[in-house]
């Protein structure tokens, strides 16, 4: 029982750090967001929880997007995309592709953005989703 409780505590801690990072992102406190999210990533990795890691990576990518650093945004989205594909989690993949497309669009790479959004649309149709 104590081991399960310790694991649950670590999972709760990683989830709280992820939420704090997102809150800082929404408040445009980017450095604080990245600090919290970096700690969250470490927590998710220590738990071997790839879904949690993907969630934190997607938020990190959004922080970089807001900061105007599209290259770091795309790098983080790419890491999240690879993990979501390893997990075969199409819902996570859909979310990641949407953000990645925006980053490419912000760079003026409209054709690449359109390719990514087409991938997203195919997955959404596969899952029966009509809107996001």
N, C-alpha and C. Protein backbone atom coordinates (compact mmCIF):
# COMPACT_ATOMS: atom_id res chain seq x y z
N UNK A 1 0.81 -1.21 0.00
CA UNK A 1 0.00 0.00 0.00
C UNK A 1 0.85 1.26 0.00
N UNK A 2 1.89 1.37 0.82
CA UNK A 2 2.70 2.60 0.80
C UNK A 2 3.32 2.89 -0.56
N UNK A 3 3.73 1.84 -1.30
CA UNK A 3 4.29 2.07 -2.64
C UNK A 3 3.25 2.65 -3.59
N UNK A 4 2.04 2.13 -3.54
CA UNK A 4 0.98 2.65 -4.39
C UNK A 4 0.66 4.10 -4.04
N UNK A 5 0.67 4.40 -2.75
CA UNK A 5 0.40 5.77 -2.32
C UNK A 5 1.51 6.71 -2.79
N UNK A 6 2.75 6.26 -2.70
CA UNK A 6 3.87 7.08 -3.16
C UNK A 6 3.77 7.34 -4.65
N UNK A 7 3.42 6.31 -5.41
CA UNK A 7 3.26 6.47 -6.87
C UNK A 7 2.13 7.44 -7.17
N UNK A 8 1.02 7.31 -6.44
CA UNK A 8 -0.11 8.22 -6.64
C UNK A 8 0.29 9.65 -6.30
N UNK A 9 1.09 9.82 -5.24
CA UNK A 9 1.55 11.15 -4.87
C UNK A 9 2.43 11.75 -5.97
N UNK A 10 3.31 10.96 -6.56
CA UNK A 10 4.17 11.45 -7.64
C UNK A 10 3.34 11.80 -8.87
N UNK A 11 2.32 10.99 -9.15
CA UNK A 11 1.46 11.28 -10.28
C UNK A 11 0.68 12.58 -10.04
N UNK A 12 0.18 12.75 -8.83
CA UNK A 12 -0.54 13.98 -8.49
C UNK A 12 0.39 15.18 -8.60
N UNK A 13 1.63 15.01 -8.14
CA UNK A 13 2.60 16.11 -8.21
C UNK A 13 2.87 16.49 -9.67
N UNK A 14 3.08 15.49 -10.53
CA UNK A 14 3.33 15.78 -11.95
C UNK A 14 2.11 16.47 -12.58
N UNK A 15 0.92 16.02 -12.22
CA UNK A 15 -0.30 16.62 -12.76
C UNK A 15 -0.45 18.07 -12.29
N UNK A 16 -0.14 18.32 -11.03
CA UNK A 16 -0.23 19.69 -10.50
C UNK A 16 0.79 20.60 -11.17
N UNK A 17 2.01 20.10 -11.35
CA UNK A 17 3.04 20.89 -12.03
C UNK A 17 2.62 21.21 -13.46
N UNK A 18 1.99 20.25 -14.13
CA UNK A 18 1.51 20.48 -15.49
C UNK A 18 0.43 21.56 -15.48
N UNK A 19 -0.50 21.46 -14.54
CA UNK A 19 -1.57 22.46 -14.44
C UNK A 19 -1.02 23.84 -14.11
N UNK A 20 -0.05 23.89 -13.19
CA UNK A 20 0.58 25.17 -12.86
C UNK A 20 1.27 25.77 -14.08
N UNK A 21 1.97 24.94 -14.82
CA UNK A 21 2.63 25.41 -16.04
C UNK A 21 1.64 25.99 -17.02
N UNK A 22 0.51 25.31 -17.17
CA UNK A 22 -0.51 25.81 -18.10
C UNK A 22 -1.11 27.11 -17.59
N UNK A 23 -1.31 27.21 -16.29
CA UNK A 23 -1.84 28.46 -15.71
C UNK A 23 -0.87 29.62 -15.96
N UNK A 24 0.41 29.37 -15.75
CA UNK A 24 1.41 30.41 -16.03
C UNK A 24 1.42 30.77 -17.52
N UNK A 25 1.25 29.77 -18.37
CA UNK A 25 1.18 30.04 -19.82
C UNK A 25 0.01 30.97 -20.12
N UNK A 26 -1.13 30.67 -19.54
CA UNK A 26 -2.32 31.49 -19.78
C UNK A 26 -2.16 32.90 -19.25
N UNK A 27 -1.34 33.05 -18.21
CA UNK A 27 -1.05 34.37 -17.64
C UNK A 27 0.13 35.04 -18.34
N UNK A 28 0.65 34.42 -19.38
CA UNK A 28 1.80 34.92 -20.15
C UNK A 28 3.06 35.06 -19.29
N UNK A 29 3.18 34.23 -18.27
CA UNK A 29 4.40 34.17 -17.46
C UNK A 29 5.21 32.97 -17.98
N UNK A 30 5.84 33.19 -19.11
CA UNK A 30 6.43 32.10 -19.87
C UNK A 30 7.57 31.39 -19.16
N UNK A 31 8.45 32.13 -18.52
CA UNK A 31 9.58 31.49 -17.85
C UNK A 31 9.10 30.61 -16.69
N UNK A 32 8.14 31.10 -15.93
CA UNK A 32 7.59 30.30 -14.84
C UNK A 32 6.89 29.06 -15.40
N UNK A 33 6.19 29.24 -16.51
CA UNK A 33 5.52 28.10 -17.15
C UNK A 33 6.52 27.04 -17.55
N UNK A 34 7.59 27.46 -18.20
CA UNK A 34 8.60 26.49 -18.66
C UNK A 34 9.28 25.80 -17.48
N UNK A 35 9.48 26.52 -16.39
CA UNK A 35 10.09 25.93 -15.20
C UNK A 35 9.20 24.83 -14.63
N UNK A 36 7.92 25.14 -14.45
CA UNK A 36 6.97 24.16 -13.90
C UNK A 36 6.82 22.96 -14.84
N UNK A 37 6.73 23.24 -16.13
CA UNK A 37 6.53 22.17 -17.10
C UNK A 37 7.77 21.29 -17.24
N UNK A 38 8.94 21.87 -17.09
CA UNK A 38 10.16 21.07 -17.10
C UNK A 38 10.18 20.10 -15.94
N UNK A 39 9.75 20.56 -14.78
CA UNK A 39 9.66 19.67 -13.61
C UNK A 39 8.58 18.60 -13.83
N UNK A 40 7.49 19.01 -14.47
CA UNK A 40 6.42 18.05 -14.75
C UNK A 40 6.92 16.95 -15.68
N UNK A 41 7.66 17.34 -16.72
CA UNK A 41 8.21 16.35 -17.66
C UNK A 41 9.07 15.34 -16.91
N UNK A 42 9.93 15.83 -16.02
CA UNK A 42 10.77 14.93 -15.23
C UNK A 42 9.91 13.96 -14.41
N UNK A 43 8.85 14.48 -13.84
CA UNK A 43 7.95 13.63 -13.05
C UNK A 43 7.28 12.57 -13.90
N UNK A 44 6.75 13.00 -15.05
CA UNK A 44 6.08 12.04 -15.93
C UNK A 44 7.06 10.98 -16.42
N UNK A 45 8.28 11.41 -16.74
CA UNK A 45 9.28 10.45 -17.20
C UNK A 45 9.66 9.47 -16.09
N UNK A 46 9.80 9.94 -14.86
CA UNK A 46 10.15 9.04 -13.76
C UNK A 46 9.03 8.02 -13.51
N UNK A 47 7.80 8.41 -13.81
CA UNK A 47 6.65 7.50 -13.68
C UNK A 47 6.45 6.64 -14.93
N UNK A 48 7.22 6.94 -15.97
CA UNK A 48 7.07 6.28 -17.27
C UNK A 48 5.64 6.46 -17.80
N UNK A 49 5.10 7.66 -17.57
CA UNK A 49 3.74 8.01 -18.00
C UNK A 49 3.86 8.88 -19.25
N UNK A 50 3.79 8.24 -20.38
CA UNK A 50 3.99 8.96 -21.64
C UNK A 50 2.81 9.87 -21.98
N UNK A 51 1.62 9.51 -21.58
CA UNK A 51 0.47 10.38 -21.84
C UNK A 51 0.63 11.71 -21.10
N UNK A 52 1.04 11.63 -19.86
CA UNK A 52 1.30 12.85 -19.10
C UNK A 52 2.40 13.67 -19.73
N UNK A 53 3.44 12.98 -20.20
CA UNK A 53 4.56 13.66 -20.86
C UNK A 53 4.10 14.36 -22.13
N UNK A 54 3.25 13.70 -22.91
CA UNK A 54 2.73 14.33 -24.13
C UNK A 54 1.94 15.59 -23.79
N UNK A 55 1.11 15.52 -22.76
CA UNK A 55 0.34 16.69 -22.36
C UNK A 55 1.22 17.85 -21.98
N UNK A 56 2.26 17.58 -21.19
CA UNK A 56 3.18 18.64 -20.79
C UNK A 56 3.96 19.18 -21.99
N UNK A 57 4.38 18.30 -22.89
CA UNK A 57 5.11 18.74 -24.09
C UNK A 57 4.24 19.64 -24.96
N UNK A 58 2.97 19.30 -25.09
CA UNK A 58 2.07 20.14 -25.89
C UNK A 58 1.91 21.53 -25.27
N UNK A 59 1.88 21.60 -23.96
CA UNK A 59 1.78 22.91 -23.31
C UNK A 59 3.08 23.68 -23.49
N UNK A 60 4.22 23.00 -23.35
CA UNK A 60 5.51 23.65 -23.59
C UNK A 60 5.55 24.22 -25.01
N UNK A 61 5.07 23.45 -25.97
CA UNK A 61 5.05 23.93 -27.35
C UNK A 61 4.18 25.18 -27.48
N UNK A 62 3.08 25.23 -26.77
CA UNK A 62 2.21 26.41 -26.81
C UNK A 62 2.87 27.62 -26.15
N UNK A 63 3.65 27.37 -25.10
CA UNK A 63 4.40 28.47 -24.47
C UNK A 63 5.36 29.07 -25.49
N UNK A 64 6.13 28.23 -26.16
CA UNK A 64 7.07 28.73 -27.16
C UNK A 64 6.33 29.43 -28.31
N UNK A 65 5.17 28.91 -28.68
CA UNK A 65 4.36 29.56 -29.72
C UNK A 65 4.01 30.98 -29.28
N UNK A 66 3.55 31.13 -28.04
CA UNK A 66 3.19 32.45 -27.53
C UNK A 66 4.40 33.37 -27.46
N UNK A 67 5.56 32.80 -27.21
CA UNK A 67 6.79 33.59 -27.13
C UNK A 67 7.31 33.96 -28.52
N UNK A 68 6.71 33.37 -29.56
CA UNK A 68 7.14 33.65 -30.92
C UNK A 68 8.31 32.79 -31.39
N UNK A 69 8.67 31.77 -30.62
CA UNK A 69 9.76 30.88 -30.99
C UNK A 69 9.16 29.62 -31.62
N UNK A 70 8.82 29.74 -32.89
CA UNK A 70 8.12 28.65 -33.57
C UNK A 70 9.00 27.41 -33.75
N UNK A 71 10.31 27.59 -33.84
CA UNK A 71 11.18 26.43 -34.00
C UNK A 71 11.18 25.55 -32.75
N UNK A 72 11.25 26.19 -31.58
CA UNK A 72 11.17 25.41 -30.34
C UNK A 72 9.77 24.84 -30.16
N UNK A 73 8.77 25.58 -30.60
CA UNK A 73 7.40 25.09 -30.54
C UNK A 73 7.26 23.81 -31.37
N UNK A 74 7.74 23.86 -32.59
CA UNK A 74 7.66 22.69 -33.48
C UNK A 74 8.45 21.52 -32.91
N UNK A 75 9.63 21.81 -32.34
CA UNK A 75 10.44 20.75 -31.74
C UNK A 75 9.67 20.05 -30.63
N UNK A 76 9.00 20.82 -29.77
CA UNK A 76 8.23 20.22 -28.67
C UNK A 76 7.01 19.47 -29.20
N UNK A 77 6.32 20.06 -30.18
CA UNK A 77 5.19 19.35 -30.78
C UNK A 77 5.65 18.04 -31.43
N UNK A 78 6.83 18.06 -32.07
CA UNK A 78 7.34 16.87 -32.72
C UNK A 78 7.63 15.77 -31.70
N UNK A 79 8.21 16.13 -30.57
CA UNK A 79 8.44 15.15 -29.50
C UNK A 79 7.11 14.56 -29.02
N UNK A 80 6.12 15.42 -28.84
CA UNK A 80 4.80 14.97 -28.39
C UNK A 80 4.15 14.07 -29.44
N UNK A 81 4.31 14.44 -30.71
CA UNK A 81 3.72 13.65 -31.80
C UNK A 81 4.34 12.26 -31.85
N UNK A 82 5.65 12.18 -31.72
CA UNK A 82 6.31 10.87 -31.73
C UNK A 82 5.81 9.99 -30.59
N UNK A 83 5.70 10.57 -29.40
CA UNK A 83 5.21 9.80 -28.26
C UNK A 83 3.75 9.38 -28.44
N UNK A 84 2.92 10.27 -28.97
CA UNK A 84 1.50 9.93 -29.17
C UNK A 84 1.37 8.80 -30.19
N UNK A 85 2.25 8.77 -31.17
CA UNK A 85 2.22 7.68 -32.16
C UNK A 85 2.73 6.38 -31.55
N UNK A 86 3.74 6.45 -30.70
CA UNK A 86 4.22 5.25 -30.00
C UNK A 86 3.08 4.67 -29.15
N UNK A 87 2.31 5.55 -28.54
CA UNK A 87 1.19 5.13 -27.70
C UNK A 87 -0.03 4.70 -28.52
N UNK A 88 0.00 4.98 -29.81
CA UNK A 88 -1.16 4.75 -30.69
C UNK A 88 -2.39 5.48 -30.16
N UNK A 89 -2.17 6.69 -29.66
CA UNK A 89 -3.26 7.50 -29.11
C UNK A 89 -3.61 8.58 -30.12
N UNK A 90 -4.62 8.29 -30.93
CA UNK A 90 -4.97 9.22 -32.00
C UNK A 90 -5.56 10.52 -31.48
N UNK A 91 -6.17 10.50 -30.33
CA UNK A 91 -6.71 11.73 -29.76
C UNK A 91 -5.58 12.70 -29.41
N UNK A 92 -4.52 12.18 -28.78
CA UNK A 92 -3.35 13.02 -28.48
C UNK A 92 -2.69 13.49 -29.77
N UNK A 93 -2.65 12.62 -30.75
CA UNK A 93 -2.04 12.96 -32.04
C UNK A 93 -2.81 14.10 -32.72
N UNK A 94 -4.13 14.05 -32.64
CA UNK A 94 -4.97 15.10 -33.24
C UNK A 94 -4.66 16.45 -32.59
N UNK A 95 -4.61 16.48 -31.27
CA UNK A 95 -4.31 17.73 -30.55
C UNK A 95 -2.94 18.27 -30.95
N UNK A 96 -1.97 17.37 -31.01
CA UNK A 96 -0.60 17.78 -31.32
C UNK A 96 -0.49 18.30 -32.75
N UNK A 97 -1.12 17.63 -33.69
CA UNK A 97 -1.06 18.07 -35.08
C UNK A 97 -1.68 19.45 -35.26
N UNK A 98 -2.76 19.72 -34.54
CA UNK A 98 -3.39 21.04 -34.65
C UNK A 98 -2.44 22.16 -34.25
N UNK A 99 -1.77 21.98 -33.13
CA UNK A 99 -0.82 23.00 -32.67
C UNK A 99 0.39 23.11 -33.58
N UNK A 100 0.88 21.96 -34.04
CA UNK A 100 2.04 21.96 -34.92
C UNK A 100 1.73 22.70 -36.22
N UNK A 101 0.53 22.49 -36.73
CA UNK A 101 0.13 23.19 -37.96
C UNK A 101 0.13 24.70 -37.76
N UNK A 102 -0.34 25.16 -36.61
CA UNK A 102 -0.33 26.60 -36.32
C UNK A 102 1.09 27.16 -36.28
N UNK A 103 2.02 26.38 -35.72
CA UNK A 103 3.40 26.84 -35.65
C UNK A 103 4.00 26.98 -37.05
N UNK A 104 3.76 26.00 -37.89
CA UNK A 104 4.26 26.11 -39.27
C UNK A 104 3.59 27.28 -40.00
N UNK A 105 2.30 27.47 -39.76
CA UNK A 105 1.59 28.59 -40.37
C UNK A 105 2.19 29.92 -39.93
N UNK A 106 2.50 30.04 -38.64
CA UNK A 106 3.10 31.26 -38.10
C UNK A 106 4.46 31.55 -38.73
N UNK A 107 5.16 30.50 -39.15
CA UNK A 107 6.45 30.67 -39.83
C UNK A 107 6.28 31.03 -41.32
N UNK A 108 5.04 31.01 -41.79
CA UNK A 108 4.79 31.27 -43.21
C UNK A 108 4.92 30.03 -44.07
N UNK A 109 5.05 28.88 -43.43
CA UNK A 109 5.15 27.62 -44.17
C UNK A 109 3.75 27.04 -44.33
N UNK A 110 2.97 27.73 -45.18
CA UNK A 110 1.55 27.42 -45.31
C UNK A 110 1.29 26.03 -45.89
N UNK A 111 2.12 25.59 -46.83
CA UNK A 111 1.91 24.27 -47.42
C UNK A 111 2.16 23.17 -46.39
N UNK A 112 3.20 23.33 -45.60
CA UNK A 112 3.50 22.34 -44.55
C UNK A 112 2.39 22.34 -43.51
N UNK A 113 1.90 23.52 -43.16
CA UNK A 113 0.78 23.61 -42.21
C UNK A 113 -0.44 22.88 -42.76
N UNK A 114 -0.73 23.09 -44.03
CA UNK A 114 -1.89 22.45 -44.65
C UNK A 114 -1.73 20.93 -44.67
N UNK A 115 -0.52 20.44 -44.94
CA UNK A 115 -0.27 18.99 -44.92
C UNK A 115 -0.57 18.42 -43.54
N UNK A 116 -0.11 19.12 -42.52
CA UNK A 116 -0.31 18.65 -41.15
C UNK A 116 -1.79 18.66 -40.79
N UNK A 117 -2.49 19.73 -41.17
CA UNK A 117 -3.92 19.80 -40.86
C UNK A 117 -4.71 18.75 -41.62
N UNK A 118 -4.25 18.38 -42.82
CA UNK A 118 -4.91 17.29 -43.55
C UNK A 118 -4.75 15.97 -42.80
N UNK A 119 -3.56 15.74 -42.23
CA UNK A 119 -3.35 14.55 -41.41
C UNK A 119 -4.30 14.56 -40.21
N UNK A 120 -4.42 15.74 -39.60
CA UNK A 120 -5.31 15.89 -38.46
C UNK A 120 -6.75 15.58 -38.85
N UNK A 121 -7.18 16.08 -39.99
CA UNK A 121 -8.54 15.86 -40.47
C UNK A 121 -8.81 14.38 -40.72
N UNK A 122 -7.86 13.69 -41.32
CA UNK A 122 -8.02 12.25 -41.57
C UNK A 122 -8.22 11.51 -40.25
N UNK A 123 -7.39 11.84 -39.26
CA UNK A 123 -7.53 11.18 -37.95
C UNK A 123 -8.87 11.52 -37.29
N UNK A 124 -9.28 12.77 -37.41
CA UNK A 124 -10.55 13.17 -36.81
C UNK A 124 -11.70 12.39 -37.46
N UNK A 125 -11.65 12.23 -38.76
CA UNK A 125 -12.70 11.47 -39.44
C UNK A 125 -12.65 10.00 -39.04
N UNK A 126 -11.45 9.48 -38.88
CA UNK A 126 -11.28 8.09 -38.45
C UNK A 126 -11.94 7.87 -37.10
N UNK A 127 -11.81 8.83 -36.21
CA UNK A 127 -12.40 8.72 -34.87
C UNK A 127 -13.84 9.21 -34.81
N UNK A 128 -14.36 9.67 -35.94
CA UNK A 128 -15.73 10.14 -35.98
C UNK A 128 -15.93 11.51 -35.37
N UNK A 129 -14.85 12.28 -35.27
CA UNK A 129 -14.96 13.64 -34.73
C UNK A 129 -15.26 14.59 -35.88
N UNK A 130 -16.21 15.47 -35.65
CA UNK A 130 -16.56 16.42 -36.70
C UNK A 130 -16.08 17.83 -36.41
N UNK A 131 -15.78 18.13 -35.17
CA UNK A 131 -15.28 19.48 -34.85
C UNK A 131 -14.32 19.40 -33.69
N UNK A 132 -13.49 20.40 -33.59
CA UNK A 132 -12.50 20.50 -32.52
C UNK A 132 -12.56 21.87 -31.93
